[in-house]
Every structure is written in structure tokens, then in C-alpha cells.
Amino acid sequence: MSGQHEPSDAVASGYFVDSDHPAIRRFASSVVEGADDPHERVRRLFAEIRERLRYNPYRVTPDRDHYKASSILNGGPTWCVPKAVLLTASLRAVGIPALLGFSDVRNHLSSEQLLSVMGTDLFVYHGWTAVHFDGQWHKGSPAFNTELCERFGVPPLDFDGTQDALLHAADGAGRRHMEYVRERGMYLDLPYDDIMRTLHETYGSRLAQRGAAGPVRQDPAFEP
């Protein structure tokens, strides 16, 4: 549930954040191998997941099990929420307290095709991950891979848990890029039902795919 959480509560495995799954444990351990410093562990896992799964906002699916970290791990391009789930689970797998966080954001540099499909520039339940260091939760968004950031004229985010690393307010030319308009709180596990209900209320059936194996809309802005 949303609200205040103790770091000790943010290390256990959950249904979606299944950090005790053997595949998640192997993956996370391999990424942080040789790194004892917790900040370096956060930096490595953040960068790996940022690049491992290319961001594609058309990959929304209503299939519940596709939001488990162990299912996301070896999947293809996806959107911000699954990337945040995988990062949160991977961090917990190496002993770093981590929560899922969500915000509503207004994206001023989206593609015309995506805006047409969504009917708005408001992205509800944008997902990110928070880690706990020195008595504070710090937020990082692994959503946009480096190539996509370069395409939209913003530098890729780096995150080691020392300060927030959320999506940029402006691009390299000073144009508005991402505006955070509402905080939806931090959670121990994915609030799947709330997210799906809000997506449907906001976008109807325009955005969600019928299933992971179904056809995906082609948008040059988000293709390699």
C-alpha cells in the first residue's frame, strides 16, 4: 500500500517484485559482482536495466503475470512500470531496500502518433524506483534508454542513490520535456489493479494491447 514504509519492509519479495526468484537473484548478482559499495551496486543495476529493455510506451498489456520481475527480465521493449518493477526487485535481491513509486507526468516531447492514440499528453502512473540511504528515499527513473534519450535531445539519467534522478524537465534546447503533476505514492509491490483501472479511465482501450503476443503499433519515434 501507499504511504510511509520502513527500509526493513522494503527488502522482502512480493508477487510482482519477486526478488527471491532464482533468475532475478542470478541476474542481480552478476551485475553487481565485485562491487561492495551499495551506491555502486545501485548505479550498475540502474544502468543495466535502463539499457537492457528499450522503452516503448505501446507495450502496455493487461496480462497480470507479465508484470512480475521474473517475467520482465528476459522480455523485449517495454514501458516505464515494468522497468521500475525489475529494478526494484533486482535491488532487493542484493539487499538494498527499494520501493516502487508512481507519478502522473505531462510529456511535452511525445510523438504525434502517441498523443493521438492516448488523446492527451498526460501519462498516468509513470513508474520509478526509490532506494533508502542515510535516512532518506531517493528516486530514480530507468525508463529511457540511452539511444532514445539522444533521439529526444536529453542526456540519459544515471542513478546511484545519492540524489534523485527523475526525468528531465527540459531537453537540451531548453524546451519543456517532462512535468511531474501528481505524486501517487510509494509501494512495496505493484498496485496492479489501481494502475489498470486508471489507465482504462484515462485512455479507454486505446493504449493497452490485447496481450503480449498481440500486434504492437509501429511508431518511428520509439523504434530502433
Protein backbone atom coordinates (compact mmCIF):
# COMPACT_ATOMS: atom_id res chain seq x y z
CA MET A 1 0.00 0.00 0.00
CA SER A 2 0.96 3.66 -0.39
CA GLY A 3 2.38 5.76 2.42
CA GLN A 4 5.39 5.64 4.72
CA HIS A 5 7.48 2.48 4.67
CA GLU A 6 10.37 1.33 6.79
CA PRO A 7 13.52 0.24 4.94
CA SER A 8 13.24 -3.14 6.68
CA ASP A 9 9.89 -3.68 4.92
CA ALA A 10 11.40 -2.90 1.51
CA VAL A 11 13.71 -5.88 1.17
CA ALA A 12 11.18 -8.73 1.08
CA SER A 13 9.99 -10.40 -2.11
CA GLY A 14 6.47 -9.77 -3.39
CA TYR A 15 4.14 -11.19 -6.02
CA PHE A 16 5.27 -8.77 -8.74
CA VAL A 17 8.56 -7.68 -7.15
CA ASP A 18 9.65 -11.31 -6.90
CA SER A 19 13.18 -10.61 -5.78
CA ASP A 20 13.61 -14.13 -4.41
CA HIS A 21 13.13 -15.70 -7.86
CA PRO A 22 16.32 -17.58 -8.84
CA ALA A 23 16.54 -15.78 -12.20
CA ILE A 24 16.36 -12.36 -10.53
CA ARG A 25 18.96 -13.34 -7.96
CA ARG A 26 21.34 -14.62 -10.64
CA PHE A 27 20.86 -11.54 -12.78
CA ALA A 28 21.35 -9.04 -9.96
CA SER A 29 24.37 -10.88 -8.54
CA SER A 30 26.06 -10.97 -11.94
CA VAL A 31 25.56 -7.23 -12.49
CA VAL A 32 26.99 -6.20 -9.10
CA GLU A 33 29.76 -8.81 -8.97
CA GLY A 34 32.89 -7.28 -7.44
CA ALA A 35 31.05 -4.18 -6.18
CA ASP A 36 30.83 -3.98 -2.40
CA ASP A 37 29.79 -0.33 -2.22
CA PRO A 38 25.96 -0.12 -2.17
CA HIS A 39 25.93 3.06 -4.25
CA GLU A 40 27.96 1.33 -6.96
CA ARG A 41 25.52 -1.57 -6.86
CA VAL A 42 22.61 0.82 -7.41
CA ARG A 43 24.47 2.56 -10.24
CA ARG A 44 25.23 -0.71 -12.03
CA LEU A 45 21.74 -2.15 -11.74
CA PHE A 46 20.10 1.11 -12.79
CA ALA A 47 22.30 1.44 -15.88
CA GLU A 48 21.87 -2.22 -16.84
CA ILE A 49 18.08 -2.13 -16.67
CA ARG A 50 17.90 1.29 -18.34
CA GLU A 51 19.68 -0.21 -21.36
CA ARG A 52 18.51 -3.84 -21.20
CA LEU A 53 14.88 -3.07 -22.05
CA ARG A 54 14.22 -0.45 -24.69
CA TYR A 55 11.44 1.96 -23.77
CA ASN A 56 8.29 1.57 -25.85
CA PRO A 57 5.03 3.08 -24.49
CA TYR A 58 2.92 0.90 -26.79
CA ARG A 59 3.85 -2.25 -24.84
CA VAL A 60 1.16 -1.86 -22.21
CA THR A 61 -0.60 -5.18 -21.66
CA PRO A 62 -3.40 -6.17 -19.25
CA ASP A 63 -1.76 -9.58 -18.62
CA ARG A 64 -1.10 -9.63 -14.88
CA ASP A 65 1.76 -12.13 -14.89
CA HIS A 66 3.72 -10.10 -17.41
CA TYR A 67 4.32 -7.54 -14.64
CA LYS A 68 6.34 -9.94 -12.48
CA ALA A 69 10.03 -9.06 -12.43
CA SER A 70 11.00 -12.61 -13.36
CA SER A 71 8.83 -12.35 -16.49
CA ILE A 72 10.07 -8.87 -17.37
CA LEU A 73 13.73 -9.87 -17.11
CA ASN A 74 14.03 -11.60 -20.47
CA GLY A 75 11.28 -9.72 -22.25
CA GLY A 76 11.57 -7.22 -25.07
CA PRO A 77 10.90 -3.49 -25.26
CA THR A 78 8.55 -2.27 -22.55
CA TRP A 79 7.32 0.81 -20.72
CA CYS A 80 8.30 2.55 -17.52
CA VAL A 81 6.33 0.47 -15.00
CA PRO A 82 7.85 -2.95 -15.82
CA LYS A 83 11.33 -1.40 -15.91
CA ALA A 84 10.76 0.02 -12.42
CA VAL A 85 9.45 -3.35 -11.18
CA LEU A 86 12.57 -5.12 -12.47
CA LEU A 87 14.91 -2.54 -10.94
CA THR A 88 13.14 -2.68 -7.58
CA ALA A 89 13.30 -6.49 -7.48
CA SER A 90 16.95 -6.56 -8.55
CA LEU A 91 17.95 -4.09 -5.85
CA ARG A 92 16.16 -6.10 -3.16
CA ALA A 93 17.84 -9.25 -4.44
CA VAL A 94 21.22 -7.78 -3.45
CA GLY A 95 19.98 -6.45 -0.11
CA ILE A 96 19.22 -2.82 -0.97
CA PRO A 97 15.86 -1.51 0.35
CA ALA A 98 13.77 -0.42 -2.63
CA LEU A 99 10.21 0.71 -3.29
CA LEU A 100 8.07 1.25 -6.36
CA GLY A 101 6.95 4.85 -6.87
CA PHE A 102 4.49 6.46 -9.25
CA SER A 103 3.72 9.91 -10.58
CA ASP A 104 1.47 11.42 -13.21
CA VAL A 105 3.64 13.31 -15.71
CA ARG A 106 2.96 15.58 -18.64
CA ASN A 107 5.23 14.77 -21.58
CA HIS A 108 5.80 17.76 -23.86
CA LEU A 109 8.04 15.92 -26.33
CA SER A 110 5.97 12.86 -27.13
CA SER A 111 5.38 11.76 -30.71
CA GLU A 112 2.31 12.98 -32.57
CA GLN A 113 1.23 9.37 -33.12
CA LEU A 114 1.38 8.52 -29.42
CA LEU A 115 -0.52 11.67 -28.47
CA SER A 116 -3.18 10.74 -31.00
CA VAL A 117 -3.52 7.25 -29.53
CA MET A 118 -3.63 8.49 -25.93
CA GLY A 119 -5.77 11.55 -26.55
CA THR A 120 -3.69 13.52 -24.03
CA ASP A 121 -0.08 14.32 -23.10
CA LEU A 122 -0.70 13.16 -19.52
CA PHE A 123 0.99 9.88 -18.62
CA VAL A 124 -0.65 8.42 -15.51
CA TYR A 125 1.24 6.11 -13.16
CA HIS A 126 4.70 6.82 -14.54
CA GLY A 127 6.85 4.30 -12.67
CA TRP A 128 10.17 4.80 -10.88
CA THR A 129 12.17 3.20 -8.06
CA ALA A 130 13.20 4.62 -4.69
CA VAL A 131 16.17 3.43 -2.61
CA HIS A 132 16.91 4.21 1.02
CA PHE A 133 20.23 5.76 2.08
CA ASP A 134 21.14 7.98 5.03
CA GLY A 135 17.58 8.18 6.31
CA GLN A 136 16.02 9.26 3.01
CA TRP A 137 14.32 7.73 0.00
CA HIS A 138 15.93 8.79 -3.30
CA LYS A 139 14.08 8.33 -6.60
CA GLY A 140 15.41 7.13 -9.95
CA SER A 141 13.63 6.51 -13.26
CA PRO A 142 15.24 3.86 -15.51
CA ALA A 143 12.61 4.34 -18.23
CA PHE A 144 14.53 5.87 -21.14
CA ASN A 145 17.48 4.01 -22.67
CA THR A 146 20.46 6.00 -23.95
CA GLU A 147 19.67 5.83 -27.67
CA LEU A 148 16.13 7.07 -27.09
CA CYS A 149 17.37 9.91 -24.86
CA GLU A 150 19.77 11.00 -27.60
CA ARG A 151 16.92 10.93 -30.12
CA PHE A 152 14.83 13.27 -27.95
CA GLY A 153 17.79 15.51 -27.12
CA VAL A 154 18.21 14.74 -23.42
CA PRO A 155 21.14 13.07 -21.63
CA PRO A 156 20.48 9.60 -20.16
CA LEU A 157 19.91 9.51 -16.45
CA ASP A 158 22.40 7.98 -14.03
CA PHE A 159 21.43 6.99 -10.51
CA ASP A 160 23.44 5.75 -7.54
CA GLY A 161 21.01 6.56 -4.74
CA THR A 162 22.74 9.73 -3.55
CA GLN A 163 20.15 12.07 -5.08
CA ASP A 164 17.01 11.92 -7.19
CA ALA A 165 17.32 11.08 -10.89
CA LEU A 166 13.92 11.70 -12.41
CA LEU A 167 13.03 12.53 -15.99
CA HIS A 168 14.27 15.88 -17.23
CA ALA A 169 12.13 19.00 -17.04
CA ALA A 170 13.66 20.27 -20.29
CA ASP A 171 15.56 18.95 -23.29
CA GLY A 172 19.00 20.11 -24.45
CA ALA A 173 17.43 23.05 -26.31
CA GLY A 174 15.59 24.23 -23.22
CA ARG A 175 12.17 23.06 -24.38
CA ARG A 176 9.82 21.62 -21.77
CA HIS A 177 10.15 17.86 -21.66
CA MET A 178 8.60 16.22 -18.61
CA GLU A 179 6.45 17.84 -15.93
CA TYR A 180 5.56 15.95 -12.76
CA VAL A 181 1.99 16.94 -11.94
CA ARG A 182 0.87 14.42 -9.30
CA GLU A 183 2.51 12.04 -6.88
CA ARG A 184 0.75 8.69 -6.40
CA GLY A 185 2.96 7.39 -3.60
CA MET A 186 5.43 4.60 -2.98
CA TYR A 187 4.52 0.93 -2.70
CA LEU A 188 6.04 -2.33 -1.52
CA ASP A 189 4.55 -4.17 -4.51
CA LEU A 190 2.88 -3.21 -7.77
CA PRO A 191 -0.66 -1.79 -7.33
CA TYR A 192 -1.72 -3.61 -10.47
CA ASP A 193 -5.49 -3.19 -10.13
CA ASP A 194 -5.24 0.55 -9.42
CA ILE A 195 -2.91 1.07 -12.39
CA MET A 196 -5.06 -0.87 -14.84
CA ARG A 197 -8.24 0.86 -13.70
CA THR A 198 -6.65 4.30 -14.01
CA LEU A 199 -5.20 3.52 -17.44
CA HIS A 200 -8.64 2.44 -18.64
CA GLU A 201 -10.31 5.51 -17.12
CA THR A 202 -7.74 7.81 -18.74
CA TYR A 203 -7.18 6.21 -22.14
CA GLY A 204 -10.03 3.73 -22.57
CA SER A 205 -8.87 0.72 -24.59
CA ARG A 206 -6.69 2.80 -26.91
CA LEU A 207 -3.32 2.10 -25.31
CA ALA A 208 -3.36 -1.38 -23.81
CA GLN A 209 -2.53 -4.31 -26.07
CA ARG A 210 -4.74 -7.39 -26.02
CA GLY A 211 -1.80 -9.49 -24.90
CA ALA A 212 1.96 -9.64 -25.00
CA ALA A 213 1.86 -11.71 -28.20
CA GLY A 214 -0.58 -9.39 -29.96
CA PRO A 215 0.33 -6.83 -32.61
CA VAL A 216 2.18 -3.73 -31.42
CA ARG A 217 1.69 -0.35 -33.05
CA GLN A 218 4.66 0.89 -35.03
CA ASP A 219 5.83 4.41 -34.18
CA PRO A 220 9.17 5.54 -35.68
CA ALA A 221 9.82 7.69 -32.60
CA PHE A 222 10.22 4.58 -30.44
CA GLU A 223 11.69 2.09 -32.89
CA PRO A 224 15.46 1.38 -33.16
